[in-house]
């Protein structure tokens, strides 16, 4: 996959993570989008490094999507824990 497809995957993974964890985010839409992109990269790296599942060249690989969404969820939870009260 190219960098542009990882960015698109990250945008979609961030939106899915936001859907799965509704509520107010300290960063709003832009912060959630950036978390989704970073989560896609981190999830893909963890999948390739420790789970012995190489990154697929196919955009529609289910394991790649699961890794991207999982990475986004982890980053979104961590972000809320660290900066959750900054909007109050």
C-alpha atoms as a PDB file:
ATOM      1  CA  UNK A   1       0.000   0.000   0.000  1.00  0.00           C
ATOM      2  CA  UNK A   2       1.159   3.513  -0.647  1.00  0.00           C
ATOM      3  CA  UNK A   3       1.375   6.293   1.900  1.00  0.00           C
ATOM      4  CA  UNK A   4      -1.807   7.861   0.521  1.00  0.00           C
ATOM      5  CA  UNK A   5      -3.739   4.636   1.001  1.00  0.00           C
ATOM      6  CA  UNK A   6      -2.427   4.422   4.602  1.00  0.00           C
ATOM      7  CA  UNK A   7      -3.651   7.978   5.167  1.00  0.00           C
ATOM      8  CA  UNK A   8      -7.081   7.096   3.796  1.00  0.00           C
ATOM      9  CA  UNK A   9      -7.135   3.928   5.883  1.00  0.00           C
ATOM     10  CA  UNK A  10      -6.151   6.002   8.922  1.00  0.00           C
ATOM     11  CA  UNK A  11      -8.919   8.526   8.307  1.00  0.00           C
ATOM     12  CA  UNK A  12     -11.475   5.748   8.072  1.00  0.00           C
ATOM     13  CA  UNK A  13     -10.020   3.888  11.065  1.00  0.00           C
ATOM     14  CA  UNK A  14     -10.200   7.090  13.130  1.00  0.00           C
ATOM     15  CA  UNK A  15     -13.838   7.560  12.164  1.00  0.00           C
ATOM     16  CA  UNK A  16     -14.638   3.959  13.075  1.00  0.00           C
ATOM     17  CA  UNK A  17     -12.781   4.297  16.396  1.00  0.00           C
ATOM     18  CA  UNK A  18     -14.729   7.485  17.135  1.00  0.00           C
ATOM     19  CA  UNK A  19     -17.962   5.641  16.312  1.00  0.00           C
ATOM     20  CA  UNK A  20     -17.010   2.778  18.657  1.00  0.00           C
ATOM     21  CA  UNK A  21     -15.980   5.190  21.465  1.00  0.00           C
ATOM     22  CA  UNK A  22     -18.466   8.057  21.329  1.00  0.00           C
ATOM     23  CA  UNK A  23     -18.091  11.097  23.499  1.00  0.00           C
ATOM     24  CA  UNK A  24     -16.242  14.373  23.603  1.00  0.00           C
ATOM     25  CA  UNK A  25     -12.654  14.308  22.492  1.00  0.00           C
ATOM     26  CA  UNK A  26     -10.228  16.991  23.577  1.00  0.00           C
ATOM     27  CA  UNK A  27      -8.930  17.445  20.018  1.00  0.00           C
ATOM     28  CA  UNK A  28     -12.220  17.414  18.148  1.00  0.00           C
ATOM     29  CA  UNK A  29     -12.454  16.188  14.577  1.00  0.00           C
ATOM     30  CA  UNK A  30      -8.890  17.072  13.596  1.00  0.00           C
ATOM     31  CA  UNK A  31      -7.396  15.414  16.668  1.00  0.00           C
ATOM     32  CA  UNK A  32      -9.445  12.271  16.137  1.00  0.00           C
ATOM     33  CA  UNK A  33      -8.395  12.171  12.488  1.00  0.00           C
ATOM     34  CA  UNK A  34      -4.711  12.473  13.372  1.00  0.00           C
ATOM     35  CA  UNK A  35      -5.121   9.771  16.012  1.00  0.00           C
ATOM     36  CA  UNK A  36      -6.702   7.540  13.366  1.00  0.00           C
ATOM     37  CA  UNK A  37      -3.798   8.044  10.974  1.00  0.00           C
ATOM     38  CA  UNK A  38      -1.208   7.433  13.709  1.00  0.00           C
ATOM     39  CA  UNK A  39      -3.191   4.407  14.916  1.00  0.00           C
ATOM     40  CA  UNK A  40      -3.184   2.915  11.431  1.00  0.00           C
ATOM     41  CA  UNK A  41       0.582   3.214  11.233  1.00  0.00           C
ATOM     42  CA  UNK A  42       1.154   1.906  14.763  1.00  0.00           C
ATOM     43  CA  UNK A  43      -1.374  -0.923  14.398  1.00  0.00           C
ATOM     44  CA  UNK A  44       0.199  -2.006  11.129  1.00  0.00           C
ATOM     45  CA  UNK A  45       3.673  -1.891  12.621  1.00  0.00           C
ATOM     46  CA  UNK A  46       2.637  -3.931  15.670  1.00  0.00           C
ATOM     47  CA  UNK A  47       0.885  -6.440  13.431  1.00  0.00           C
ATOM     48  CA  UNK A  48       3.947  -6.877  11.240  1.00  0.00           C
ATOM     49  CA  UNK A  49       6.497  -6.826  14.051  1.00  0.00           C
ATOM     50  CA  UNK A  50       5.025  -8.937  16.856  1.00  0.00           C
ATOM     51  CA  UNK A  51       2.015 -10.766  15.459  1.00  0.00           C
ATOM     52  CA  UNK A  52       3.921 -12.174  12.474  1.00  0.00           C
ATOM     53  CA  UNK A  53       1.322 -10.894  10.023  1.00  0.00           C
ATOM     54  CA  UNK A  54       3.038  -8.972   7.238  1.00  0.00           C
ATOM     55  CA  UNK A  55       1.347  -5.864   5.950  1.00  0.00           C
ATOM     56  CA  UNK A  56      -0.739  -6.757   2.933  1.00  0.00           C
ATOM     57  CA  UNK A  57      -0.411  -4.913  -0.341  1.00  0.00           C
ATOM     58  CA  UNK A  58      -4.191  -5.139  -0.644  1.00  0.00           C
ATOM     59  CA  UNK A  59      -6.220  -2.228   0.707  1.00  0.00           C
ATOM     60  CA  UNK A  60      -9.156  -4.508   1.554  1.00  0.00           C
ATOM     61  CA  UNK A  61      -7.290  -6.969   3.783  1.00  0.00           C
ATOM     62  CA  UNK A  62      -9.332  -7.569   6.941  1.00  0.00           C
ATOM     63  CA  UNK A  63      -6.315  -8.044   9.209  1.00  0.00           C
ATOM     64  CA  UNK A  64      -4.848  -4.721   8.064  1.00  0.00           C
ATOM     65  CA  UNK A  65      -8.122  -2.975   8.819  1.00  0.00           C
ATOM     66  CA  UNK A  66      -8.385  -4.666  12.221  1.00  0.00           C
ATOM     67  CA  UNK A  67      -4.837  -3.598  13.090  1.00  0.00           C
ATOM     68  CA  UNK A  68      -5.514  -0.013  12.008  1.00  0.00           C
ATOM     69  CA  UNK A  69      -8.773   0.232  13.947  1.00  0.00           C
ATOM     70  CA  UNK A  70      -7.224  -1.441  16.995  1.00  0.00           C
ATOM     71  CA  UNK A  71      -4.296   0.970  16.951  1.00  0.00           C
ATOM     72  CA  UNK A  72      -6.695   3.901  16.621  1.00  0.00           C
ATOM     73  CA  UNK A  73      -8.784   2.683  19.554  1.00  0.00           C
ATOM     74  CA  UNK A  74      -5.719   2.311  21.759  1.00  0.00           C
ATOM     75  CA  UNK A  75      -4.463   5.787  20.874  1.00  0.00           C
ATOM     76  CA  UNK A  76      -7.916   7.321  21.321  1.00  0.00           C
ATOM     77  CA  UNK A  77      -8.285   5.809  24.804  1.00  0.00           C
ATOM     78  CA  UNK A  78      -4.771   6.933  25.765  1.00  0.00           C
ATOM     79  CA  UNK A  79      -5.453  10.426  24.414  1.00  0.00           C
ATOM     80  CA  UNK A  80      -8.667  10.698  26.400  1.00  0.00           C
ATOM     81  CA  UNK A  81      -6.914   9.527  29.558  1.00  0.00           C
ATOM     82  CA  UNK A  82      -4.105  12.044  29.152  1.00  0.00           C
ATOM     83  CA  UNK A  83      -6.016  15.069  27.871  1.00  0.00           C
ATOM     84  CA  UNK A  84      -9.657  14.268  28.644  1.00  0.00           C
ATOM     85  CA  UNK A  85     -10.276  17.108  31.065  1.00  0.00           C
ATOM     86  CA  UNK A  86      -8.630  19.875  29.036  1.00  0.00           C
ATOM     87  CA  UNK A  87     -11.985  21.103  27.650  1.00  0.00           C
ATOM     88  CA  UNK A  88     -13.777  21.405  30.992  1.00  0.00           C
END
